[in-house]
Amino acid sequence: MKKRSELPQIAEAGDGRAPLDGDRQFVAALWRGMEVLRVFGPRDDGLSNQEIAARTGFSPSTVSRLTYTLSVMGHLRYVARDGRYRLGMPVLGLGLACLAGLAIRQIAHPLMQELADFAGPGNLVSLSMREGLSMTYIHSVRAETQMSLSLDLGTRINLARSSAGRVWLAACPDEEREAVLARIATEEAGGPALVRSLREGIEAVRTKGYALNIGGWRPGVNVVAVPIAPQGSDQTVYALGCGGPSYRLTPEYLEGEIAPRLLDITRRIAASRPG
């Protein structure tokens, strides 16, 4: 029996093949069911069996059996009117339980709000963690305004093309970094060139302590992010970022005012987290 610390970290494969077919303890059917649930994004207004099959790489017949089973369990809800599935309430319960177990959210919230108020209207301060080749938002705060940059809890952003992804790569364990870079090289458009750029970005993060993204993630939006390193029993690498309209968050302002405050927040979070 493997120890918990020795269990491999499975990311979505996207081609329908179970990643640990040779492992007798790995239940491929359970993995496939979880993969079906994972393909739903926060902005999806339901998915058909065909769409789920395209996203997972599973055969249509496999998807049909999985969605039927998950519907019986309540994890999916079938809407006959449009022939699509939506996530059921039990999934929400699991997500809320997961978020409640992330103590860093409670520690970081007042510090993030302090920065959001300083940065001013239209800007978003976010906390994210890796999921596959995405960085998923687990907490965000803003100074409210109609012109605010708005990203919902659970929003996924491309790891390879975001400042959050670059700081995560700079702070994660070497073996995990190389595995993710290998996936980016083969699965992302322009992968090899992108990996070379990311390696340069990683070195910049190690030198400066932060990563800038000037209009590269979304036109007219500038972002700066810093890594939050593992500590104590929590061995997760997080990314803490601040982004907003480029006319408010100029590169000079991000480097001169926001980045130092983000770095200070990481130190204050480290002092407050259990050892």
C-alpha atoms as a PDB file:
ATOM      1  CA  MET A   1       0.000   0.000   0.000  1.00  0.00           C
ATOM      2  CA  LYS A   2       1.405   3.373  -1.026  1.00  0.00           C
ATOM      3  CA  LYS A   3       1.764   6.134   1.533  1.00  0.00           C
ATOM      4  CA  ARG A   4      -0.297   9.263   0.894  1.00  0.00           C
ATOM      5  CA  SER A   5       2.883  11.265   0.317  1.00  0.00           C
ATOM      6  CA  GLU A   6       3.921   8.806  -2.409  1.00  0.00           C
ATOM      7  CA  LEU A   7       0.707   8.991  -4.431  1.00  0.00           C
ATOM      8  CA  PRO A   8       1.191  10.372  -7.968  1.00  0.00           C
ATOM      9  CA  GLN A   9      -0.503  13.613  -8.888  1.00  0.00           C
ATOM     10  CA  ILE A  10      -2.907  12.990 -11.765  1.00  0.00           C
ATOM     11  CA  ALA A  11      -3.762  15.786 -14.165  1.00  0.00           C
ATOM     12  CA  GLU A  12      -6.394  15.559 -16.876  1.00  0.00           C
ATOM     13  CA  ALA A  13      -5.173  13.520 -19.813  1.00  0.00           C
ATOM     14  CA  GLY A  14      -7.701  14.684 -22.390  1.00  0.00           C
ATOM     15  CA  ASP A  15      -7.227  11.620 -24.630  1.00  0.00           C
ATOM     16  CA  GLY A  16      -9.429   9.146 -22.786  1.00  0.00           C
ATOM     17  CA  ARG A  17      -6.561   7.011 -21.510  1.00  0.00           C
ATOM     18  CA  ALA A  18      -6.229   6.315 -17.804  1.00  0.00           C
ATOM     19  CA  PRO A  19      -2.800   7.650 -16.714  1.00  0.00           C
ATOM     20  CA  LEU A  20      -2.022   4.723 -14.385  1.00  0.00           C
ATOM     21  CA  ASP A  21      -3.387   1.713 -16.254  1.00  0.00           C
ATOM     22  CA  GLY A  22      -0.586  -0.482 -14.903  1.00  0.00           C
ATOM     23  CA  ASP A  23      -1.301   0.359 -11.258  1.00  0.00           C
ATOM     24  CA  ARG A  24      -3.530  -2.344  -9.735  1.00  0.00           C
ATOM     25  CA  GLN A  25      -4.692   0.034  -7.005  1.00  0.00           C
ATOM     26  CA  PHE A  26      -5.806   2.671  -9.505  1.00  0.00           C
ATOM     27  CA  VAL A  27      -9.548   2.438 -10.327  1.00  0.00           C
ATOM     28  CA  ALA A  28      -9.828   3.678 -13.908  1.00  0.00           C
ATOM     29  CA  ALA A  29     -13.640   3.759 -13.850  1.00  0.00           C
ATOM     30  CA  LEU A  30     -13.618   6.132 -10.882  1.00  0.00           C
ATOM     31  CA  TRP A  31     -11.031   8.311 -12.622  1.00  0.00           C
ATOM     32  CA  ARG A  32     -13.229   8.530 -15.729  1.00  0.00           C
ATOM     33  CA  GLY A  33     -16.239   9.590 -13.651  1.00  0.00           C
ATOM     34  CA  MET A  34     -14.225  12.317 -11.949  1.00  0.00           C
ATOM     35  CA  GLU A  35     -12.844  13.482 -15.303  1.00  0.00           C
ATOM     36  CA  VAL A  36     -16.408  13.985 -16.532  1.00  0.00           C
ATOM     37  CA  LEU A  37     -17.114  16.269 -13.577  1.00  0.00           C
ATOM     38  CA  ARG A  38     -13.852  18.163 -14.048  1.00  0.00           C
ATOM     39  CA  VAL A  39     -14.579  19.257 -17.619  1.00  0.00           C
ATOM     40  CA  PHE A  40     -17.395  21.555 -16.475  1.00  0.00           C
ATOM     41  CA  GLY A  41     -16.229  25.160 -16.253  1.00  0.00           C
ATOM     42  CA  PRO A  42     -17.828  27.985 -14.242  1.00  0.00           C
ATOM     43  CA  ARG A  43     -19.188  29.589 -17.420  1.00  0.00           C
ATOM     44  CA  ASP A  44     -20.620  26.419 -18.982  1.00  0.00           C
ATOM     45  CA  ASP A  45     -24.409  26.488 -19.267  1.00  0.00           C
ATOM     46  CA  GLY A  46     -24.600  22.722 -19.388  1.00  0.00           C
ATOM     47  CA  LEU A  47     -22.784  20.227 -21.630  1.00  0.00           C
ATOM     48  CA  SER A  48     -24.094  17.523 -23.942  1.00  0.00           C
ATOM     49  CA  ASN A  49     -22.687  13.995 -24.049  1.00  0.00           C
ATOM     50  CA  GLN A  50     -20.967  14.892 -27.312  1.00  0.00           C
ATOM     51  CA  GLU A  51     -19.287  17.928 -25.767  1.00  0.00           C
ATOM     52  CA  ILE A  52     -18.178  15.926 -22.744  1.00  0.00           C
ATOM     53  CA  ALA A  53     -16.761  13.231 -25.020  1.00  0.00           C
ATOM     54  CA  ALA A  54     -14.804  15.869 -26.967  1.00  0.00           C
ATOM     55  CA  ARG A  55     -13.347  17.384 -23.795  1.00  0.00           C
ATOM     56  CA  THR A  56     -12.421  14.115 -22.101  1.00  0.00           C
ATOM     57  CA  GLY A  57     -11.407  12.015 -25.078  1.00  0.00           C
ATOM     58  CA  PHE A  58     -13.738   9.237 -23.907  1.00  0.00           C
ATOM     59  CA  SER A  59     -15.931   7.357 -26.363  1.00  0.00           C
ATOM     60  CA  PRO A  60     -19.573   8.514 -26.630  1.00  0.00           C
ATOM     61  CA  SER A  61     -20.809   5.196 -25.241  1.00  0.00           C
ATOM     62  CA  THR A  62     -18.515   5.511 -22.202  1.00  0.00           C
ATOM     63  CA  VAL A  63     -19.652   9.072 -21.618  1.00  0.00           C
ATOM     64  CA  SER A  64     -23.306   8.055 -21.866  1.00  0.00           C
ATOM     65  CA  ARG A  65     -22.852   5.429 -19.150  1.00  0.00           C
ATOM     66  CA  LEU A  66     -20.882   7.797 -16.938  1.00  0.00           C
ATOM     67  CA  THR A  67     -23.343  10.683 -17.209  1.00  0.00           C
ATOM     68  CA  TYR A  68     -26.247   8.309 -16.508  1.00  0.00           C
ATOM     69  CA  THR A  69     -24.526   6.982 -13.364  1.00  0.00           C
ATOM     70  CA  LEU A  70     -23.530  10.448 -12.166  1.00  0.00           C
ATOM     71  CA  SER A  71     -27.106  11.661 -12.735  1.00  0.00           C
ATOM     72  CA  VAL A  72     -28.506   8.799 -10.648  1.00  0.00           C
ATOM     73  CA  MET A  73     -26.054   9.784  -7.893  1.00  0.00           C
ATOM     74  CA  GLY A  74     -27.101  13.440  -8.148  1.00  0.00           C
ATOM     75  CA  HIS A  75     -23.673  14.718  -9.179  1.00  0.00           C
ATOM     76  CA  LEU A  76     -25.105  15.648 -12.577  1.00  0.00           C
ATOM     77  CA  ARG A  77     -28.535  17.036 -13.394  1.00  0.00           C
ATOM     78  CA  TYR A  78     -30.034  16.271 -16.808  1.00  0.00           C
ATOM     79  CA  VAL A  79     -32.053  19.024 -18.481  1.00  0.00           C
ATOM     80  CA  ALA A  80     -34.291  17.250 -20.983  1.00  0.00           C
ATOM     81  CA  ARG A  81     -35.332  20.489 -22.687  1.00  0.00           C
ATOM     82  CA  ASP A  82     -31.913  21.016 -24.256  1.00  0.00           C
ATOM     83  CA  GLY A  83     -30.379  17.586 -23.764  1.00  0.00           C
ATOM     84  CA  ARG A  84     -27.559  18.896 -21.596  1.00  0.00           C
ATOM     85  CA  TYR A  85     -26.106  18.095 -18.209  1.00  0.00           C
ATOM     86  CA  ARG A  86     -25.374  20.526 -15.400  1.00  0.00           C
ATOM     87  CA  LEU A  87     -23.474  19.925 -12.187  1.00  0.00           C
ATOM     88  CA  GLY A  88     -25.632  18.830  -9.257  1.00  0.00           C
ATOM     89  CA  MET A  89     -25.674  20.166  -5.714  1.00  0.00           C
ATOM     90  CA  PRO A  90     -23.492  17.368  -4.241  1.00  0.00           C
ATOM     91  CA  VAL A  91     -20.613  18.700  -6.348  1.00  0.00           C
ATOM     92  CA  LEU A  92     -21.109  22.125  -4.785  1.00  0.00           C
ATOM     93  CA  GLY A  93     -20.918  20.547  -1.355  1.00  0.00           C
ATOM     94  CA  LEU A  94     -17.612  18.911  -2.220  1.00  0.00           C
ATOM     95  CA  GLY A  95     -16.246  22.183  -3.576  1.00  0.00           C
ATOM     96  CA  LEU A  96     -17.288  24.145  -0.513  1.00  0.00           C
ATOM     97  CA  ALA A  97     -15.751  21.520   1.756  1.00  0.00           C
ATOM     98  CA  CYS A  98     -12.516  21.774  -0.218  1.00  0.00           C
ATOM     99  CA  LEU A  99     -12.434  25.573   0.031  1.00  0.00           C
ATOM    100  CA  ALA A 100     -13.262  25.470   3.735  1.00  0.00           C
ATOM    101  CA  GLY A 101     -10.233  23.262   4.256  1.00  0.00           C
ATOM    102  CA  LEU A 102      -7.889  25.820   2.671  1.00  0.00           C
ATOM    103  CA  ALA A 103      -6.883  27.839   5.716  1.00  0.00           C
ATOM    104  CA  ILE A 104      -4.761  30.137   3.571  1.00  0.00           C
ATOM    105  CA  ARG A 105      -7.944  31.759   2.216  1.00  0.00           C
ATOM    106  CA  GLN A 106      -8.928  32.999   5.652  1.00  0.00           C
ATOM    107  CA  ILE A 107      -5.390  34.158   6.409  1.00  0.00           C
ATOM    108  CA  ALA A 108      -4.947  35.924   3.083  1.00  0.00           C
ATOM    109  CA  HIS A 109      -8.380  37.591   2.793  1.00  0.00           C
ATOM    110  CA  PRO A 110      -7.835  40.736   4.932  1.00  0.00           C
ATOM    111  CA  LEU A 111      -4.395  41.261   3.405  1.00  0.00           C
ATOM    112  CA  MET A 112      -5.783  40.877  -0.106  1.00  0.00           C
ATOM    113  CA  GLN A 113      -8.607  43.311   0.686  1.00  0.00           C
ATOM    114  CA  GLU A 114      -6.083  45.810   1.986  1.00  0.00           C
ATOM    115  CA  LEU A 115      -4.198  45.625  -1.316  1.00  0.00           C
ATOM    116  CA  ALA A 116      -7.393  45.815  -3.380  1.00  0.00           C
ATOM    117  CA  ASP A 117      -8.417  48.982  -1.557  1.00  0.00           C
ATOM    118  CA  PHE A 118      -4.959  50.449  -2.161  1.00  0.00           C
ATOM    119  CA  ALA A 119      -4.943  49.509  -5.856  1.00  0.00           C
ATOM    120  CA  GLY A 120      -8.330  51.147  -6.266  1.00  0.00           C
ATOM    121  CA  PRO A 121     -11.440  50.600  -8.382  1.00  0.00           C
ATOM    122  CA  GLY A 122     -11.300  48.264 -11.334  1.00  0.00           C
ATOM    123  CA  ASN A 123      -8.563  45.998 -10.020  1.00  0.00           C
ATOM    124  CA  LEU A 124      -8.696  42.404  -8.794  1.00  0.00           C
ATOM    125  CA  VAL A 125      -6.498  40.679  -6.225  1.00  0.00           C
ATOM    126  CA  SER A 126      -6.574  36.909  -6.616  1.00  0.00           C
ATOM    127  CA  LEU A 127      -5.286  33.728  -5.034  1.00  0.00           C
ATOM    128  CA  SER A 128      -4.920  30.674  -7.279  1.00  0.00           C
ATOM    129  CA  MET A 129      -3.547  27.147  -7.371  1.00  0.00           C
ATOM    130  CA  ARG A 130      -2.678  24.747 -10.175  1.00  0.00           C
ATOM    131  CA  GLU A 131      -5.151  22.325 -11.700  1.00  0.00           C
ATOM    132  CA  GLY A 132      -3.703  20.517 -14.701  1.00  0.00           C
ATOM    133  CA  LEU A 133      -2.496  23.153 -17.156  1.00  0.00           C
ATOM    134  CA  SER A 134      -4.632  25.861 -15.560  1.00  0.00           C
ATOM    135  CA  MET A 135      -4.407  28.112 -12.546  1.00  0.00           C
ATOM    136  CA  THR A 136      -7.745  28.024 -10.721  1.00  0.00           C
ATOM    137  CA  TYR A 137      -8.985  30.964  -8.673  1.00  0.00           C
ATOM    138  CA  ILE A 138      -9.768  29.926  -5.087  1.00  0.00           C
ATOM    139  CA  HIS A 139     -10.260  33.436  -3.711  1.00  0.00           C
ATOM    140  CA  SER A 140     -10.522  36.964  -5.081  1.00  0.00           C
ATOM    141  CA  VAL A 141     -11.325  40.429  -3.767  1.00  0.00           C
ATOM    142  CA  ARG A 142     -11.782  43.794  -5.416  1.00  0.00           C
ATOM    143  CA  ALA A 143     -12.653  47.399  -4.783  1.00  0.00           C
ATOM    144  CA  GLU A 144     -16.140  47.318  -6.268  1.00  0.00           C
ATOM    145  CA  THR A 145     -16.984  49.372  -9.324  1.00  0.00           C
ATOM    146  CA  GLN A 146     -18.854  48.802 -12.552  1.00  0.00           C
ATOM    147  CA  MET A 147     -15.521  48.766 -14.354  1.00  0.00           C
ATOM    148  CA  SER A 148     -13.948  46.064 -12.193  1.00  0.00           C
ATOM    149  CA  LEU A 149     -12.055  43.181 -13.708  1.00  0.00           C
ATOM    150  CA  SER A 150     -14.377  40.295 -12.793  1.00  0.00           C
ATOM    151  CA  LEU A 151     -13.271  36.671 -12.494  1.00  0.00           C
ATOM    152  CA  ASP A 152     -15.475  34.249 -10.612  1.00  0.00           C
ATOM    153  CA  LEU A 153     -14.349  31.751  -8.003  1.00  0.00           C
ATOM    154  CA  GLY A 154     -13.307  28.612  -9.859  1.00  0.00           C
ATOM    155  CA  THR A 155     -12.286  30.490 -12.999  1.00  0.00           C
ATOM    156  CA  ARG A 156      -9.408  28.775 -14.770  1.00  0.00           C
ATOM    157  CA  ILE A 157      -6.714  30.706 -16.566  1.00  0.00           C
ATOM    158  CA  ASN A 158      -4.038  29.267 -18.821  1.00  0.00           C
ATOM    159  CA  LEU A 159      -0.997  28.377 -16.751  1.00  0.00           C
ATOM    160  CA  ALA A 160       1.516  28.811 -19.561  1.00  0.00           C
ATOM    161  CA  ARG A 161       0.299  32.282 -20.515  1.00  0.00           C
ATOM    162  CA  SER A 162      -0.326  33.847 -17.117  1.00  0.00           C
ATOM    163  CA  SER A 163       1.868  35.499 -14.523  1.00  0.00           C
ATOM    164  CA  ALA A 164       0.252  33.223 -11.917  1.00  0.00           C
ATOM    165  CA  GLY A 165       1.438  30.226 -13.892  1.00  0.00           C
ATOM    166  CA  ARG A 166       4.981  31.554 -14.171  1.00  0.00           C
ATOM    167  CA  VAL A 167       5.352  32.191 -10.453  1.00  0.00           C
ATOM    168  CA  TRP A 168       3.892  28.761  -9.731  1.00  0.00           C
ATOM    169  CA  LEU A 169       6.491  27.185 -12.027  1.00  0.00           C
ATOM    170  CA  ALA A 170       9.245  29.121 -10.278  1.00  0.00           C
ATOM    171  CA  ALA A 171       8.229  27.897  -6.819  1.00  0.00           C
ATOM    172  CA  CYS A 172       7.083  24.307  -7.383  1.00  0.00           C
ATOM    173  CA  PRO A 173       9.305  21.219  -6.926  1.00  0.00           C
ATOM    174  CA  ASP A 174      11.694  20.527  -9.815  1.00  0.00           C
ATOM    175  CA  GLU A 175      10.133  17.187 -10.778  1.00  0.00           C
ATOM    176  CA  GLU A 176       6.632  18.644 -10.906  1.00  0.00           C
ATOM    177  CA  ARG A 177       7.840  21.643 -12.925  1.00  0.00           C
ATOM    178  CA  GLU A 178       9.516  19.490 -15.547  1.00  0.00           C
ATOM    179  CA  ALA A 179       6.414  17.305 -15.879  1.00  0.00           C
ATOM    180  CA  VAL A 180       4.216  20.353 -16.445  1.00  0.00           C
ATOM    181  CA  LEU A 181       6.671  21.914 -18.916  1.00  0.00           C
ATOM    182  CA  ALA A 182       6.756  18.634 -20.845  1.00  0.00           C
ATOM    183  CA  ARG A 183       2.962  18.725 -21.139  1.00  0.00           C
ATOM    184  CA  ILE A 184       3.018  22.359 -22.253  1.00  0.00           C
ATOM    185  CA  ALA A 185       5.597  21.520 -24.925  1.00  0.00           C
ATOM    186  CA  THR A 186       3.306  18.885 -26.454  1.00  0.00           C
ATOM    187  CA  GLU A 187      -0.212  20.156 -25.678  1.00  0.00           C
ATOM    188  CA  GLU A 188      -0.050  23.947 -26.079  1.00  0.00           C
ATOM    189  CA  ALA A 189       0.118  25.760 -29.414  1.00  0.00           C
ATOM    190  CA  GLY A 190       3.731  26.717 -30.090  1.00  0.00           C
ATOM    191  CA  GLY A 191       4.699  24.564 -27.125  1.00  0.00           C
ATOM    192  CA  PRO A 192       8.512  24.335 -27.514  1.00  0.00           C
ATOM    193  CA  ALA A 193       8.912  28.100 -27.981  1.00  0.00           C
ATOM    194  CA  LEU A 194       6.499  28.715 -25.131  1.00  0.00           C
ATOM    195  CA  VAL A 195       8.550  26.478 -22.821  1.00  0.00           C
ATOM    196  CA  ARG A 196      11.727  28.366 -23.708  1.00  0.00           C
ATOM    197  CA  SER A 197       9.979  31.629 -22.849  1.00  0.00           C
ATOM    198  CA  LEU A 198       8.674  30.157 -19.614  1.00  0.00           C
ATOM    199  CA  ARG A 199      12.147  29.056 -18.544  1.00  0.00           C
ATOM    200  CA  GLU A 200      13.346  32.622 -19.036  1.00  0.00           C
ATOM    201  CA  GLY A 201      10.348  33.846 -17.046  1.00  0.00           C
ATOM    202  CA  ILE A 202      11.119  31.419 -14.232  1.00  0.00           C
ATOM    203  CA  GLU A 203      14.632  32.826 -13.911  1.00  0.00           C
ATOM    204  CA  ALA A 204      13.207  36.356 -13.850  1.00  0.00           C
ATOM    205  CA  VAL A 205      10.850  35.401 -11.027  1.00  0.00           C
ATOM    206  CA  ARG A 206      13.733  33.929  -9.047  1.00  0.00           C
ATOM    207  CA  THR A 207      15.672  37.156  -9.514  1.00  0.00           C
ATOM    208  CA  LYS A 208      12.878  39.678  -8.857  1.00  0.00           C
ATOM    209  CA  GLY A 209      10.437  37.634  -6.809  1.00  0.00           C
ATOM    210  CA  TYR A 210       7.489  38.368  -9.109  1.00  0.00           C
ATOM    211  CA  ALA A 211       6.227  38.051 -12.688  1.00  0.00           C
ATOM    212  CA  LEU A 212       4.649  40.718 -14.883  1.00  0.00           C
ATOM    213  CA  ASN A 213       2.120  40.062 -17.627  1.00  0.00           C
ATOM    214  CA  ILE A 214       1.604  43.180 -19.699  1.00  0.00           C
ATOM    215  CA  GLY A 215      -1.411  42.618 -21.929  1.00  0.00           C
ATOM    216  CA  GLY A 216      -0.358  39.036 -22.647  1.00  0.00           C
ATOM    217  CA  TRP A 217      -3.223  37.318 -20.869  1.00  0.00           C
ATOM    218  CA  ARG A 218      -5.984  39.668 -21.990  1.00  0.00           C
ATOM    219  CA  PRO A 219      -5.592  42.836 -24.122  1.00  0.00           C
ATOM    220  CA  GLY A 220      -5.751  45.968 -22.004  1.00  0.00           C
ATOM    221  CA  VAL A 221      -5.160  44.081 -18.758  1.00  0.00           C
ATOM    222  CA  ASN A 222      -1.868  44.111 -16.828  1.00  0.00           C
ATOM    223  CA  VAL A 223      -1.078  41.693 -14.006  1.00  0.00           C
ATOM    224  CA  VAL A 224       1.685  41.086 -11.492  1.00  0.00           C
ATOM    225  CA  ALA A 225       1.922  37.896  -9.439  1.00  0.00           C
ATOM    226  CA  VAL A 226       4.125  36.387  -6.731  1.00  0.00           C
ATOM    227  CA  PRO A 227       4.444  32.791  -5.508  1.00  0.00           C
ATOM    228  CA  ILE A 228       3.440  31.600  -2.051  1.00  0.00           C
ATOM    229  CA  ALA A 229       5.761  28.731  -1.195  1.00  0.00           C
ATOM    230  CA  PRO A 230       4.742  25.537   0.629  1.00  0.00           C
ATOM    231  CA  GLN A 231       4.857  25.712   4.394  1.00  0.00           C
ATOM    232  CA  GLY A 232       4.317  23.167   7.148  1.00  0.00           C
ATOM    233  CA  SER A 233       1.603  20.636   6.419  1.00  0.00           C
ATOM    234  CA  ASP A 234       0.373  22.628   3.402  1.00  0.00           C
ATOM    235  CA  GLN A 235       2.728  21.679   0.582  1.00  0.00           C
ATOM    236  CA  THR A 236       0.703  23.466  -2.108  1.00  0.00           C
ATOM    237  CA  VAL A 237       2.282  26.270  -4.140  1.00  0.00           C
ATOM    238  CA  TYR A 238      -0.123  29.195  -4.544  1.00  0.00           C
ATOM    239  CA  ALA A 239       0.011  32.291  -6.739  1.00  0.00           C
ATOM    240  CA  LEU A 240      -1.070  35.692  -5.462  1.00  0.00           C
ATOM    241  CA  GLY A 241      -1.730  38.341  -8.084  1.00  0.00           C
ATOM    242  CA  CYS A 242      -3.132  41.777  -8.749  1.00  0.00           C
ATOM    243  CA  GLY A 243      -4.509  42.756 -12.143  1.00  0.00           C
ATOM    244  CA  GLY A 244      -6.609  45.393 -13.799  1.00  0.00           C
ATOM    245  CA  PRO A 245      -6.931  47.842 -16.684  1.00  0.00           C
ATOM    246  CA  SER A 246      -3.600  48.827 -18.193  1.00  0.00           C
ATOM    247  CA  TYR A 247      -4.383  52.532 -17.924  1.00  0.00           C
ATOM    248  CA  ARG A 248      -4.588  52.109 -14.147  1.00  0.00           C
ATOM    249  CA  LEU A 249      -1.954  49.442 -13.578  1.00  0.00           C
ATOM    250  CA  THR A 250       0.958  50.567 -15.710  1.00  0.00           C
ATOM    251  CA  PRO A 251       4.120  48.431 -15.699  1.00  0.00           C
ATOM    252  CA  GLU A 252       5.897  51.095 -13.656  1.00  0.00           C
ATOM    253  CA  TYR A 253       3.088  51.193 -11.084  1.00  0.00           C
ATOM    254  CA  LEU A 254       2.959  47.410 -10.844  1.00  0.00           C
ATOM    255  CA  GLU A 255       6.697  47.124 -10.255  1.00  0.00           C
ATOM    256  CA  GLY A 256       7.045  50.181  -8.037  1.00  0.00           C
ATOM    257  CA  GLU A 257       3.917  49.938  -5.871  1.00  0.00           C
ATOM    258  CA  ILE A 258       2.008  46.672  -6.251  1.00  0.00           C
ATOM    259  CA  ALA A 259       4.793  44.079  -6.451  1.00  0.00           C
ATOM    260  CA  PRO A 260       6.440  45.196  -3.174  1.00  0.00           C
ATOM    261  CA  ARG A 261       3.073  45.004  -1.425  1.00  0.00           C
ATOM    262  CA  LEU A 262       2.401  41.528  -2.815  1.00  0.00           C
ATOM    263  CA  LEU A 263       5.786  40.367  -1.558  1.00  0.00           C
ATOM    264  CA  ASP A 264       5.037  41.863   1.840  1.00  0.00           C
ATOM    265  CA  ILE A 265       1.708  39.998   1.918  1.00  0.00           C
ATOM    266  CA  THR A 266       3.487  36.691   1.273  1.00  0.00           C
ATOM    267  CA  ARG A 267       5.766  37.369   4.245  1.00  0.00           C
ATOM    268  CA  ARG A 268       2.796  38.210   6.459  1.00  0.00           C
ATOM    269  CA  ILE A 269       0.954  35.095   5.307  1.00  0.00           C
ATOM    270  CA  ALA A 270       4.038  32.977   6.086  1.00  0.00           C
ATOM    271  CA  ALA A 271       4.178  34.454   9.590  1.00  0.00           C
ATOM    272  CA  SER A 272       0.513  33.611  10.182  1.00  0.00           C
ATOM    273  CA  ARG A 273       0.398  30.081   8.745  1.00  0.00           C
ATOM    274  CA  PRO A 274       0.864  27.109  11.065  1.00  0.00           C
ATOM    275  CA  GLY A 275       4.400  25.716  10.908  1.00  0.00           C
END
